[in-house]
PDB file of N, CA and C in Angstrom:
ATOM      1  N   MET A   1     112.217 112.939  52.278  1.00  0.00           N
ATOM      2  CA  MET A   1     112.488 111.356  51.358  1.00  0.00           C
ATOM      3  C   MET A   1     111.328 111.655  50.407  1.00  0.00           C
ATOM      4  N   PRO A   2     112.176 111.644  49.290  1.00  0.00           N
ATOM      5  CA  PRO A   2     111.147 111.447  48.144  1.00  0.00           C
ATOM      6  C   PRO A   2     110.445 109.575  48.286  1.00  0.00           C
ATOM      7  N   LEU A   3     109.301 109.857  47.886  1.00  0.00           N
ATOM      8  CA  LEU A   3     108.618 108.713  47.519  1.00  0.00           C
ATOM      9  C   LEU A   3     109.513 107.814  47.057  1.00  0.00           C
ATOM     10  N   ASP A   4     109.174 106.913  47.100  1.00  0.00           N
ATOM     11  CA  ASP A   4     109.622 105.354  46.260  1.00  0.00           C
ATOM     12  C   ASP A   4     108.508 104.025  46.489  1.00  0.00           C
ATOM     13  N   GLU A   5     108.820 102.922  45.227  1.00  0.00           N
ATOM     14  CA  GLU A   5     107.781 102.175  45.250  1.00  0.00           C
ATOM     15  C   GLU A   5     107.733 101.354  46.724  1.00  0.00           C
ATOM     16  N   ALA A   6     109.118 101.043  47.094  1.00  0.00           N
ATOM     17  CA  ALA A   6     108.935 100.356  47.826  1.00  0.00           C
ATOM     18  C   ALA A   6     108.053 101.116  49.753  1.00  0.00           C
ATOM     19  N   THR A   7     108.096 102.337  49.370  1.00  0.00           N
ATOM     20  CA  THR A   7     107.331 102.947  50.327  1.00  0.00           C
ATOM     21  C   THR A   7     105.627 103.145  49.746  1.00  0.00           C
ATOM     22  N   VAL A   8     105.419 102.790  48.939  1.00  0.00           N
ATOM     23  CA  VAL A   8     103.798 103.161  48.479  1.00  0.00           C
ATOM     24  C   VAL A   8     103.501 100.946  48.375  1.00  0.00           C
ATOM     25  N   ASN A   9     104.120 100.702  47.696  1.00  0.00           N
ATOM     26  CA  ASN A   9     103.846  98.870  47.867  1.00  0.00           C
ATOM     27  C   ASN A   9     103.842  98.734  49.379  1.00  0.00           C
ATOM     28  N   GLY A  10     104.555  98.957  50.524  1.00  0.00           N
ATOM     29  CA  GLY A  10     104.422  98.985  51.585  1.00  0.00           C
ATOM     30  C   GLY A  10     103.058  99.498  52.657  1.00  0.00           C
ATOM     31  N   TRP A  11     102.639 100.575  51.351  1.00  0.00           N
ATOM     32  CA  TRP A  11     101.569 100.785  52.172  1.00  0.00           C
ATOM     33  C   TRP A  11     100.069 100.460  51.575  1.00  0.00           C
ATOM     34  N   LEU A  12     100.464 100.176  50.144  1.00  0.00           N
ATOM     35  CA  LEU A  12      99.316  98.952  49.073  1.00  0.00           C
ATOM     36  C   LEU A  12      99.681  97.434  50.587  1.00  0.00           C
ATOM     37  N   THR A  13     100.720  97.019  51.071  1.00  0.00           N
ATOM     38  CA  THR A  13      99.988  95.734  51.724  1.00  0.00           C
ATOM     39  C   THR A  13      99.381  96.170  52.969  1.00  0.00           C
ATOM     40  N   ARG A  14      99.943  97.652  53.677  1.00  0.00           N
ATOM     41  CA  ARG A  14      99.334  97.859  54.730  1.00  0.00           C
ATOM     42  C   ARG A  14      97.786  97.834  54.808  1.00  0.00           C
ATOM     43  N   TYR A  15      96.931  98.930  53.506  1.00  0.00           N
ATOM     44  CA  TYR A  15      96.003  98.417  52.997  1.00  0.00           C
ATOM     45  C   TYR A  15      95.425  97.615  52.855  1.00  0.00           C
ATOM     46  N   VAL A  16      95.985  95.945  52.180  1.00  0.00           N
ATOM     47  CA  VAL A  16      95.442  95.116  51.767  1.00  0.00           C
ATOM     48  C   VAL A  16      94.603  94.611  53.810  1.00  0.00           C
ATOM     49  N   GLY A  17      95.286  94.283  54.567  1.00  0.00           N
ATOM     50  CA  GLY A  17      95.694  94.315  55.626  1.00  0.00           C
ATOM     51  C   GLY A  17      94.785  94.522  56.348  1.00  0.00           C
ATOM     52  N   ALA A  18      94.559  96.551  56.801  1.00  0.00           N
ATOM     53  CA  ALA A  18      93.039  96.786  57.416  1.00  0.00           C
ATOM     54  C   ALA A  18      92.282  96.519  56.645  1.00  0.00           C
ATOM     55  N   TRP A  19      91.919  96.189  55.353  1.00  0.00           N
ATOM     56  CA  TRP A  19      90.643  95.804  55.137  1.00  0.00           C
ATOM     57  C   TRP A  19      90.195  94.566  55.653  1.00  0.00           C
ATOM     58  N   ARG A  20      91.083  93.624  55.546  1.00  0.00           N
ATOM     59  CA  ARG A  20      91.074  92.800  56.122  1.00  0.00           C
ATOM     60  C   ARG A  20      90.737  92.330  57.413  1.00  0.00           C
ATOM     61  N   THR A  21      91.097  93.213  58.513  1.00  0.00           N
ATOM     62  CA  THR A  21      90.936  93.373  59.933  1.00  0.00           C
ATOM     63  C   THR A  21      89.601  94.328  60.397  1.00  0.00           C
ATOM     64  N   ASN A  22      89.368  95.124  59.154  1.00  0.00           N
ATOM     65  CA  ASN A  22      88.043  96.353  59.779  1.00  0.00           C
ATOM     66  C   ASN A  22      89.168  96.792  61.325  1.00  0.00           C
ATOM     67  N   ALA A  23      89.843  96.688  61.652  1.00  0.00           N
ATOM     68  CA  ALA A  23      90.352  97.803  62.346  1.00  0.00           C
ATOM     69  C   ALA A  23      90.637  98.841  62.491  1.00  0.00           C
ATOM     70  N   PRO A  24      90.209  99.996  63.461  1.00  0.00           N
ATOM     71  CA  PRO A  24      89.996 101.163  62.933  1.00  0.00           C
ATOM     72  C   PRO A  24      91.522 101.771  63.362  1.00  0.00           C
ATOM     73  N   ASP A  25      92.109 101.433  63.918  1.00  0.00           N
ATOM     74  CA  ASP A  25      93.821 101.976  63.906  1.00  0.00           C
ATOM     75  C   ASP A  25      94.411 101.796  62.982  1.00  0.00           C
ATOM     76  N   ASP A  26      94.343 100.271  62.183  1.00  0.00           N
ATOM     77  CA  ASP A  26      95.361  99.899  61.153  1.00  0.00           C
ATOM     78  C   ASP A  26      94.251 100.529  59.827  1.00  0.00           C
ATOM     79  N   ILE A  27      93.522 101.223  59.688  1.00  0.00           N
ATOM     80  CA  ILE A  27      92.728 101.956  58.580  1.00  0.00           C
ATOM     81  C   ILE A  27      93.431 103.708  59.181  1.00  0.00           C
ATOM     82  N   ARG A  28      93.347 103.867  60.287  1.00  0.00           N
ATOM     83  CA  ARG A  28      94.107 105.395  60.459  1.00  0.00           C
ATOM     84  C   ARG A  28      94.602 105.474  59.916  1.00  0.00           C
ATOM     85  N   SER A  29      95.119 104.514  60.461  1.00  0.00           N
ATOM     86  CA  SER A  29      96.887 104.908  60.499  1.00  0.00           C
ATOM     87  C   SER A  29      97.436 104.754  58.963  1.00  0.00           C
ATOM     88  N   LEU A  30      97.103 104.622  57.919  1.00  0.00           N
ATOM     89  CA  LEU A  30      97.266 104.562  55.834  1.00  0.00           C
ATOM     90  C   LEU A  30      96.954 106.108  56.491  1.00  0.00           C
ATOM     91  N   PHE A  31      96.791 106.941  56.596  1.00  0.00           N
ATOM     92  CA  PHE A  31      96.069 108.252  56.178  1.00  0.00           C
ATOM     93  C   PHE A  31      96.173 108.995  57.340  1.00  0.00           C
ATOM     94  N   THR A  32      96.425 110.289  56.212  1.00  0.00           N
ATOM     95  CA  THR A  32      97.023 111.984  57.429  1.00  0.00           C
ATOM     96  C   THR A  32      95.686 112.456  57.748  1.00  0.00           C
ATOM     97  N   ASN A  33      95.812 112.797  58.726  1.00  0.00           N
ATOM     98  CA  ASN A  33      94.335 113.228  59.397  1.00  0.00           C
ATOM     99  C   ASN A  33      93.691 114.087  58.979  1.00  0.00           C
ATOM    100  N   PHE A  34      93.831 114.924  57.128  1.00  0.00           N
ATOM    101  CA  PHE A  34      93.172 115.666  56.810  1.00  0.00           C
ATOM    102  C   PHE A  34      92.831 115.053  55.320  1.00  0.00           C
ATOM    103  N   ALA A  35      93.282 113.858  55.357  1.00  0.00           N
ATOM    104  CA  ALA A  35      93.381 112.907  53.899  1.00  0.00           C
ATOM    105  C   ALA A  35      91.631 113.008  53.148  1.00  0.00           C
ATOM    106  N   THR A  36      91.769 112.820  52.031  1.00  0.00           N
ATOM    107  CA  THR A  36      90.764 112.942  51.550  1.00  0.00           C
ATOM    108  C   THR A  36      90.330 111.160  50.989  1.00  0.00           C
ATOM    109  N   TYR A  37      89.151 110.764  50.173  1.00  0.00           N
ATOM    110  CA  TYR A  37      89.053 109.552  49.875  1.00  0.00           C
ATOM    111  C   TYR A  37      88.177 109.322  49.054  1.00  0.00           C
ATOM    112  N   ARG A  38      88.299 109.367  48.169  1.00  0.00           N
ATOM    113  CA  ARG A  38      86.740 109.119  46.710  1.00  0.00           C
ATOM    114  C   ARG A  38      87.092 107.662  46.751  1.00  0.00           C
ATOM    115  N   TYR A  39      85.801 107.245  46.153  1.00  0.00           N
ATOM    116  CA  TYR A  39      84.960 105.632  46.431  1.00  0.00           C
ATOM    117  C   TYR A  39      85.281 105.445  45.052  1.00  0.00           C
ATOM    118  N   ARG A  40      84.774 106.857  44.221  1.00  0.00           N
ATOM    119  CA  ARG A  40      84.790 107.377  42.680  1.00  0.00           C
ATOM    120  C   ARG A  40      85.352 108.241  42.513  1.00  0.00           C
ATOM    121  N   PRO A  41      85.894 108.495  41.188  1.00  0.00           N
ATOM    122  CA  PRO A  41      86.459 109.689  41.081  1.00  0.00           C
ATOM    123  C   PRO A  41      85.733 110.450  40.857  1.00  0.00           C
ATOM    124  N   TRP A  42      83.912 110.968  40.598  1.00  0.00           N
ATOM    125  CA  TRP A  42      82.922 111.638  40.045  1.00  0.00           C
ATOM    126  C   TRP A  42      82.437 111.908  41.321  1.00  0.00           C
ATOM    127  N   GLY A  43      82.711 110.865  43.007  1.00  0.00           N
ATOM    128  CA  GLY A  43      81.483 111.320  43.994  1.00  0.00           C
ATOM    129  C   GLY A  43      82.377 112.506  44.830  1.00  0.00           C
ATOM    130  N   ALA A  44      81.699 113.062  45.726  1.00  0.00           N
ATOM    131  CA  ALA A  44      82.223 114.049  46.781  1.00  0.00           C
ATOM    132  C   ALA A  44      83.054 112.741  47.685  1.00  0.00           C
ATOM    133  N   PRO A  45      84.800 113.998  48.166  1.00  0.00           N
ATOM    134  CA  PRO A  45      85.676 113.112  48.571  1.00  0.00           C
ATOM    135  C   PRO A  45      84.624 113.276  50.274  1.00  0.00           C
ATOM    136  N   VAL A  46      85.725 111.658  50.918  1.00  0.00           N
ATOM    137  CA  VAL A  46      85.374 111.671  52.563  1.00  0.00           C
ATOM    138  C   VAL A  46      86.663 112.266  52.853  1.00  0.00           C
ATOM    139  N   VAL A  47      85.883 113.121  54.104  1.00  0.00           N
ATOM    140  CA  VAL A  47      87.374 114.082  54.708  1.00  0.00           C
ATOM    141  C   VAL A  47      87.998 113.899  55.556  1.00  0.00           C
ATOM    142  N   GLY A  48      89.115 113.707  56.181  1.00  0.00           N
ATOM    143  CA  GLY A  48      89.543 113.333  57.544  1.00  0.00           C
ATOM    144  C   GLY A  48      90.159 112.095  57.982  1.00  0.00           C
ATOM    145  N   ALA A  49      90.568 111.596  58.496  1.00  0.00           N
ATOM    146  CA  ALA A  49      91.257 109.869  59.134  1.00  0.00           C
ATOM    147  C   ALA A  49      89.648 109.449  59.217  1.00  0.00           C
ATOM    148  N   GLU A  50      89.050 110.577  60.461  1.00  0.00           N
ATOM    149  CA  GLU A  50      88.481 109.461  61.484  1.00  0.00           C
ATOM    150  C   GLU A  50      86.923 109.567  60.199  1.00  0.00           C
ATOM    151  N   ALA A  51      86.400 110.320  59.240  1.00  0.00           N
ATOM    152  CA  ALA A  51      85.559 109.828  58.361  1.00  0.00           C
ATOM    153  C   ALA A  51      85.947 108.473  57.487  1.00  0.00           C
ATOM    154  N   ILE A  52      86.984 108.466  57.112  1.00  0.00           N
ATOM    155  CA  ILE A  52      87.328 107.456  56.379  1.00  0.00           C
ATOM    156  C   ILE A  52      87.228 106.350  57.172  1.00  0.00           C
ATOM    157  N   VAL A  53      87.249 106.446  58.255  1.00  0.00           N
ATOM    158  CA  VAL A  53      87.654 104.642  59.385  1.00  0.00           C
ATOM    159  C   VAL A  53      85.823 105.155  59.452  1.00  0.00           C
ATOM    160  N   ALA A  54      85.097 105.661  59.441  1.00  0.00           N
ATOM    161  CA  ALA A  54      83.828 105.647  59.979  1.00  0.00           C
ATOM    162  C   ALA A  54      83.194 104.932  58.450  1.00  0.00           C
ATOM    163  N   ALA A  55      83.051 105.797  57.595  1.00  0.00           N
ATOM    164  CA  ALA A  55      83.173 105.519  55.687  1.00  0.00           C
ATOM    165  C   ALA A  55      83.127 103.884  55.877  1.00  0.00           C
ATOM    166  N   TRP A  56      84.474 103.464  56.163  1.00  0.00           N
ATOM    167  CA  TRP A  56      85.106 102.501  55.459  1.00  0.00           C
ATOM    168  C   TRP A  56      84.320 101.111  55.926  1.00  0.00           C
ATOM    169  N   LEU A  57      84.168 100.758  57.552  1.00  0.00           N
ATOM    170  CA  LEU A  57      83.430 100.500  58.239  1.00  0.00           C
ATOM    171  C   LEU A  57      81.597 100.718  58.221  1.00  0.00           C
ATOM    172  N   LYS A  58      81.012 101.232  57.800  1.00  0.00           N
ATOM    173  CA  LYS A  58      79.836 101.265  57.346  1.00  0.00           C
ATOM    174  C   LYS A  58      79.262 100.341  56.615  1.00  0.00           C
ATOM    175  N   ASN A  59      79.987  99.714  55.894  1.00  0.00           N
ATOM    176  CA  ASN A  59      79.120  98.605  54.857  1.00  0.00           C
ATOM    177  C   ASN A  59      80.677  97.606  54.504  1.00  0.00           C
ATOM    178  N   PRO A  60      81.439  97.168  55.788  1.00  0.00           N
ATOM    179  CA  PRO A  60      82.862  96.163  56.088  1.00  0.00           C
ATOM    180  C   PRO A  60      81.965  94.458  54.909  1.00  0.00           C
ATOM    181  N   ASP A  61      83.280  95.114  53.854  1.00  0.00           N
ATOM    182  CA  ASP A  61      83.157  93.362  53.160  1.00  0.00           C
ATOM    183  C   ASP A  61      83.943  91.961  54.334  1.00  0.00           C
ATOM    184  N   GLU A  62      83.327  90.942  54.567  1.00  0.00           N
ATOM    185  CA  GLU A  62      83.675  89.920  55.554  1.00  0.00           C
ATOM    186  C   GLU A  62      84.990  89.397  55.084  1.00  0.00           C
ATOM    187  N   PRO A  63      85.802  89.350  55.991  1.00  0.00           N
ATOM    188  CA  PRO A  63      87.155  88.833  56.232  1.00  0.00           C
ATOM    189  C   PRO A  63      87.100  87.565  55.133  1.00  0.00           C
ATOM    190  N   GLY A  64      87.912  87.141  54.950  1.00  0.00           N
ATOM    191  CA  GLY A  64      87.827  85.692  53.741  1.00  0.00           C
ATOM    192  C   GLY A  64      86.666  86.085  52.278  1.00  0.00           C
ATOM    193  N   SER A  65      85.856  86.966  52.584  1.00  0.00           N
ATOM    194  CA  SER A  65      85.133  86.779  51.333  1.00  0.00           C
ATOM    195  C   SER A  65      85.383  87.408  49.718  1.00  0.00           C
ATOM    196  N   TRP A  66      86.414  87.757  49.954  1.00  0.00           N
ATOM    197  CA  TRP A  66      87.314  88.431  48.624  1.00  0.00           C
ATOM    198  C   TRP A  66      89.527  88.245  48.947  1.00  0.00           C
ATOM    199  N   GLU A  67      89.625  88.496  47.757  1.00  0.00           N
ATOM    200  CA  GLU A  67      91.481  88.266  47.704  1.00  0.00           C
ATOM    201  C   GLU A  67      91.434  89.629  47.050  1.00  0.00           C
ATOM    202  N   ALA A  68      92.710  90.440  47.425  1.00  0.00           N
ATOM    203  CA  ALA A  68      92.824  91.567  46.347  1.00  0.00           C
ATOM    204  C   ALA A  68      94.256  91.695  46.147  1.00  0.00           C
ATOM    205  N   SER A  69      95.340  91.969  45.389  1.00  0.00           N
ATOM    206  CA  SER A  69      96.620  92.330  45.164  1.00  0.00           C
ATOM    207  C   SER A  69      96.544  93.598  44.707  1.00  0.00           C
ATOM    208  N   TYR A  70      97.387  94.995  44.425  1.00  0.00           N
ATOM    209  CA  TYR A  70      97.867  95.740  44.522  1.00  0.00           C
ATOM    210  C   TYR A  70      98.881  96.180  44.137  1.00  0.00           C
ATOM    211  N   LYS A  71      99.908  96.596  43.266  1.00  0.00           N
ATOM    212  CA  LYS A  71     101.176  97.183  43.126  1.00  0.00           C
ATOM    213  C   LYS A  71     101.176  98.591  42.669  1.00  0.00           C
ATOM    214  N   CYS A  72     102.341  99.108  43.116  1.00  0.00           N
ATOM    215  CA  CYS A  72     102.725 100.701  42.631  1.00  0.00           C
ATOM    216  C   CYS A  72     103.435 100.603  40.937  1.00  0.00           C
ATOM    217  N   GLU A  73     102.887 101.262  40.533  1.00  0.00           N
ATOM    218  CA  GLU A  73     103.115 101.437  38.238  1.00  0.00           C
ATOM    219  C   GLU A  73     103.598 102.311  37.996  1.00  0.00           C
ATOM    220  N   MET A  74     103.589 103.358  38.942  1.00  0.00           N
ATOM    221  CA  MET A  74     104.196 105.032  38.715  1.00  0.00           C
ATOM    222  C   MET A  74     104.292 105.232  39.617  1.00  0.00           C
ATOM    223  N   ILE A  75     105.124 106.761  40.146  1.00  0.00           N
ATOM    224  CA  ILE A  75     105.283 107.662  40.875  1.00  0.00           C
ATOM    225  C   ILE A  75     105.657 109.064  39.976  1.00  0.00           C
ATOM    226  N   ALA A  76     105.348 110.564  40.642  1.00  0.00           N
ATOM    227  CA  ALA A  76     105.486 111.812  40.447  1.00  0.00           C
ATOM    228  C   ALA A  76     105.517 112.142  41.289  1.00  0.00           C
ATOM    229  N   ASP A  77     107.298 112.488  41.810  1.00  0.00           N
ATOM    230  CA  ASP A  77     107.314 113.503  42.994  1.00  0.00           C
ATOM    231  C   ASP A  77     106.002 112.578  44.181  1.00  0.00           C
ATOM    232  N   ASP A  78     104.819 113.728  45.034  1.00  0.00           N
ATOM    233  CA  ASP A  78     104.487 113.124  46.034  1.00  0.00           C
ATOM    234  C   ASP A  78     103.462 111.860  45.345  1.00  0.00           C
ATOM    235  N   ARG A  79     103.294 111.685  44.263  1.00  0.00           N
ATOM    236  CA  ARG A  79     102.051 110.854  44.009  1.00  0.00           C
ATOM    237  C   ARG A  79     101.938 109.603  43.054  1.00  0.00           C
ATOM    238  N   ALA A  80     101.735 108.891  43.097  1.00  0.00           N
ATOM    239  CA  ALA A  80     101.653 107.603  43.081  1.00  0.00           C
ATOM    240  C   ALA A  80     100.484 106.713  42.645  1.00  0.00           C
ATOM    241  N   ILE A  81     100.373 105.725  41.472  1.00  0.00           N
ATOM    242  CA  ILE A  81      99.402 105.259  40.525  1.00  0.00           C
ATOM    243  C   ILE A  81      99.552 103.926  41.010  1.00  0.00           C
ATOM    244  N   ALA A  82      98.648 103.146  41.736  1.00  0.00           N
ATOM    245  CA  ALA A  82      99.102 101.682  41.936  1.00  0.00           C
ATOM    246  C   ALA A  82      97.317 100.421  41.042  1.00  0.00           C
ATOM    247  N   ILE A  83      97.848  99.475  40.821  1.00  0.00           N
ATOM    248  CA  ILE A  83      96.786  99.014  40.028  1.00  0.00           C
ATOM    249  C   ILE A  83      97.074  97.184  40.650  1.00  0.00           C
ATOM    250  N   GLY A  84      95.945  97.021  40.396  1.00  0.00           N
ATOM    251  CA  GLY A  84      95.898  95.351  41.486  1.00  0.00           C
ATOM    252  C   GLY A  84      94.253  95.516  40.695  1.00  0.00           C
ATOM    253  N   LYS A  85      94.036  93.747  41.092  1.00  0.00           N
ATOM    254  CA  LYS A  85      92.463  93.471  41.037  1.00  0.00           C
ATOM    255  C   LYS A  85      92.419  92.828  42.059  1.00  0.00           C
ATOM    256  N   THR A  86      90.754  93.146  42.747  1.00  0.00           N
ATOM    257  CA  THR A  86      89.947  92.074  43.959  1.00  0.00           C
ATOM    258  C   THR A  86      88.820  91.174  43.211  1.00  0.00           C
ATOM    259  N   THR A  87      89.127  89.927  43.997  1.00  0.00           N
ATOM    260  CA  THR A  87      87.800  89.070  43.120  1.00  0.00           C
ATOM    261  C   THR A  87      87.556  88.547  44.478  1.00  0.00           C
ATOM    262  N   TYR A  88      85.698  89.066  44.564  1.00  0.00           N
ATOM    263  CA  TYR A  88      85.022  88.867  45.656  1.00  0.00           C
ATOM    264  C   TYR A  88      84.820  86.785  45.235  1.00  0.00           C
ATOM    265  N   VAL A  89      84.554  86.442  46.673  1.00  0.00           N
ATOM    266  CA  VAL A  89      83.916  85.219  46.380  1.00  0.00           C
ATOM    267  C   VAL A  89      83.206  84.712  45.467  1.00  0.00           C
ATOM    268  N   ASP A  90      82.459  85.050  46.172  1.00  0.00           N
ATOM    269  CA  ASP A  90      80.707  85.226  45.291  1.00  0.00           C
ATOM    270  C   ASP A  90      80.762  85.612  43.823  1.00  0.00           C
ATOM    271  N   GLY A  91      81.671  85.942  43.306  1.00  0.00           N
ATOM    272  CA  GLY A  91      81.934  85.959  42.180  1.00  0.00           C
ATOM    273  C   GLY A  91      82.354  86.879  41.013  1.00  0.00           C
ATOM    274  N   GLY A  92      81.912  88.232  41.960  1.00  0.00           N
ATOM    275  CA  GLY A  92      82.737  89.525  41.498  1.00  0.00           C
ATOM    276  C   GLY A  92      84.139  89.513  40.821  1.00  0.00           C
ATOM    277  N   THR A  93      84.138  90.237  39.631  1.00  0.00           N
ATOM    278  CA  THR A  93      86.442  89.976  40.117  1.00  0.00           C
ATOM    279  C   THR A  93      86.349  92.064  39.196  1.00  0.00           C
ATOM    280  N   TYR A  94      87.469  92.836  39.938  1.00  0.00           N
ATOM    281  CA  TYR A  94      87.526  94.103  39.885  1.00  0.00           C
ATOM    282  C   TYR A  94      88.971  94.514  39.187  1.00  0.00           C
ATOM    283  N   SER A  95      88.865  94.802  38.104  1.00  0.00           N
ATOM    284  CA  SER A  95      90.595  95.522  38.040  1.00  0.00           C
ATOM    285  C   SER A  95      90.096  96.489  38.788  1.00  0.00           C
ATOM    286  N   ASN A  96      91.311  97.606  39.211  1.00  0.00           N
ATOM    287  CA  ASN A  96      91.935  98.916  40.691  1.00  0.00           C
ATOM    288  C   ASN A  96      92.489  99.759  39.752  1.00  0.00           C
ATOM    289  N   LEU A  97      92.163 100.785  40.112  1.00  0.00           N
ATOM    290  CA  LEU A  97      93.534 101.646  39.733  1.00  0.00           C
ATOM    291  C   LEU A  97      93.224 102.323  41.240  1.00  0.00           C
ATOM    292  N   PHE A  98      94.239 103.589  41.286  1.00  0.00           N
ATOM    293  CA  PHE A  98      94.416 103.995  42.703  1.00  0.00           C
ATOM    294  C   PHE A  98      95.089 104.981  42.074  1.00  0.00           C
ATOM    295  N   GLN A  99      94.100 106.172  42.418  1.00  0.00           N
ATOM    296  CA  GLN A  99      95.507 107.368  42.344  1.00  0.00           C
ATOM    297  C   GLN A  99      95.880 107.821  43.530  1.00  0.00           C
ATOM    298  N   LEU A 100      97.145 107.743  44.139  1.00  0.00           N
ATOM    299  CA  LEU A 100      97.552 108.611  45.640  1.00  0.00           C
ATOM    300  C   LEU A 100      98.486 109.269  45.840  1.00  0.00           C
ATOM    301  N   ARG A 101      98.049 109.937  46.441  1.00  0.00           N
ATOM    302  CA  ARG A 101      99.471 111.291  47.334  1.00  0.00           C
ATOM    303  C   ARG A 101      99.143 111.427  48.429  1.00  0.00           C
ATOM    304  N   PHE A 102     100.731 111.004  48.454  1.00  0.00           N
ATOM    305  CA  PHE A 102     101.424 110.919  50.663  1.00  0.00           C
ATOM    306  C   PHE A 102     102.094 112.045  50.876  1.00  0.00           C
ATOM    307  N   GLU A 103     101.928 112.278  52.109  1.00  0.00           N
ATOM    308  CA  GLU A 103     102.795 112.761  52.671  1.00  0.00           C
ATOM    309  C   GLU A 103     103.410 112.004  54.248  1.00  0.00           C
ATOM    310  N   SER A 104     104.700 111.664  54.023  1.00  0.00           N
ATOM    311  CA  SER A 104     105.373 111.132  54.854  1.00  0.00           C
ATOM    312  C   SER A 104     104.679 109.570  55.009  1.00  0.00           C
ATOM    313  N   GLY A 105     104.998 109.188  54.227  1.00  0.00           N
ATOM    314  CA  GLY A 105     104.677 108.020  54.034  1.00  0.00           C
ATOM    315  C   GLY A 105     103.006 107.195  54.396  1.00  0.00           C
ATOM    316  N   ARG A 106     102.368 108.228  54.071  1.00  0.00           N
ATOM    317  CA  ARG A 106     101.041 107.958  54.966  1.00  0.00           C
ATOM    318  C   ARG A 106     100.046 109.041  53.787  1.00  0.00           C
ATOM    319  N   CYS A 107      98.873 108.541  53.126  1.00  0.00           N
ATOM    320  CA  CYS A 107      98.137 109.108  52.105  1.00  0.00           C
ATOM    321  C   CYS A 107      97.370 109.724  52.183  1.00  0.00           C
ATOM    322  N   SER A 108      97.105 110.635  51.305  1.00  0.00           N
ATOM    323  CA  SER A 108      96.615 112.493  51.928  1.00  0.00           C
ATOM    324  C   SER A 108      96.027 112.014  51.174  1.00  0.00           C
ATOM    325  N   GLU A 109      95.617 112.169  49.713  1.00  0.00           N
ATOM    326  CA  GLU A 109      94.695 111.470  48.983  1.00  0.00           C
ATOM    327  C   GLU A 109      94.337 110.518  47.929  1.00  0.00           C
ATOM    328  N   PHE A 110      93.725 109.841  48.163  1.00  0.00           N
ATOM    329  CA  PHE A 110      92.849 108.911  47.534  1.00  0.00           C
ATOM    330  C   PHE A 110      91.630 108.879  46.916  1.00  0.00           C
ATOM    331  N   VAL A 111      92.304 108.266  45.379  1.00  0.00           N
ATOM    332  CA  VAL A 111      90.761 108.156  44.376  1.00  0.00           C
ATOM    333  C   VAL A 111      90.843 107.133  43.311  1.00  0.00           C
ATOM    334  N   GLU A 112      89.435 105.919  43.925  1.00  0.00           N
ATOM    335  CA  GLU A 112      90.069 104.446  43.386  1.00  0.00           C
ATOM    336  C   GLU A 112      88.645 104.488  42.373  1.00  0.00           C
ATOM    337  N   TRP A 113      89.545 103.778  40.998  1.00  0.00           N
ATOM    338  CA  TRP A 113      88.819 103.866  39.922  1.00  0.00           C
ATOM    339  C   TRP A 113      88.960 102.431  39.539  1.00  0.00           C
ATOM    340  N   TYR A 114      87.842 101.830  39.423  1.00  0.00           N
ATOM    341  CA  TYR A 114      87.373 100.063  39.292  1.00  0.00           C
ATOM    342  C   TYR A 114      86.556 100.020  38.197  1.00  0.00           C
ATOM    343  N   MET A 115      86.307  99.047  37.234  1.00  0.00           N
ATOM    344  CA  MET A 115      86.147  98.310  36.521  1.00  0.00           C
ATOM    345  C   MET A 115      85.474  96.366  36.695  1.00  0.00           C
ATOM    346  N   ASN A 116      84.340  96.759  36.335  1.00  0.00           N
ATOM    347  CA  ASN A 116      83.666  95.315  36.984  1.00  0.00           C
ATOM    348  C   ASN A 116      84.262  93.802  35.813  1.00  0.00           C
ATOM    349  N   GLU A 117      84.800  93.500  35.415  1.00  0.00           N
ATOM    350  CA  GLU A 117      85.442  92.397  34.944  1.00  0.00           C
ATOM    351  C   GLU A 117      84.115  91.704  34.176  1.00  0.00           C
ATOM    352  N   SER A 118      83.605  91.562  34.745  1.00  0.00           N
ATOM    353  CA  SER A 118      82.594  90.827  34.089  1.00  0.00           C
ATOM    354  C   SER A 118      81.593  91.532  32.977  1.00  0.00           C
ATOM    355  N   THR A 119      81.863  92.688  33.248  1.00  0.00           N
ATOM    356  CA  THR A 119      81.270  93.265  32.259  1.00  0.00           C
ATOM    357  C   THR A 119      81.828  93.394  30.767  1.00  0.00           C
ATOM    358  N   THR A 120      80.867  93.551  29.762  1.00  0.00           N
ATOM    359  CA  THR A 120      81.457  93.625  28.428  1.00  0.00           C
ATOM    360  C   THR A 120      80.924  94.568  27.286  1.00  0.00           C
ATOM    361  N   ASP A 121      81.705  95.151  26.594  1.00  0.00           N
ATOM    362  CA  ASP A 121      81.347  96.274  26.125  1.00  0.00           C
ATOM    363  C   ASP A 121      81.065  95.640  24.317  1.00  0.00           C
ATOM    364  N   THR A 122      80.434  96.283  23.767  1.00  0.00           N
ATOM    365  CA  THR A 122      79.829  95.991  22.609  1.00  0.00           C
ATOM    366  C   THR A 122      79.729  96.736  21.459  1.00  0.00           C
TER     367      THR A 122
END
């Protein structure tokens, strides 16, 4: 079945839900067994669903310490771009762009790009 906006947006909703619960099964269900996850585009990937769960839980954000909303912006074959915003209660606000690749509704490649909105360019 071709990738569509509803699938990507549903995945993003589950992603936010997993971030909120920090439940290993919620996190694991988002990714294929051999998925890669990059917290920064230039960083080394975390490889495999179990490693992604461990990395995610190494320094978890406390539930209620943030709000986030993301939406699908573009789809090409099995790839998608999602954009959104993350706002932390302590004041940090980030614009996010996710590069995503999917296999059977689960993410096989995840790359996060983000900008701190309080940073100014001069």
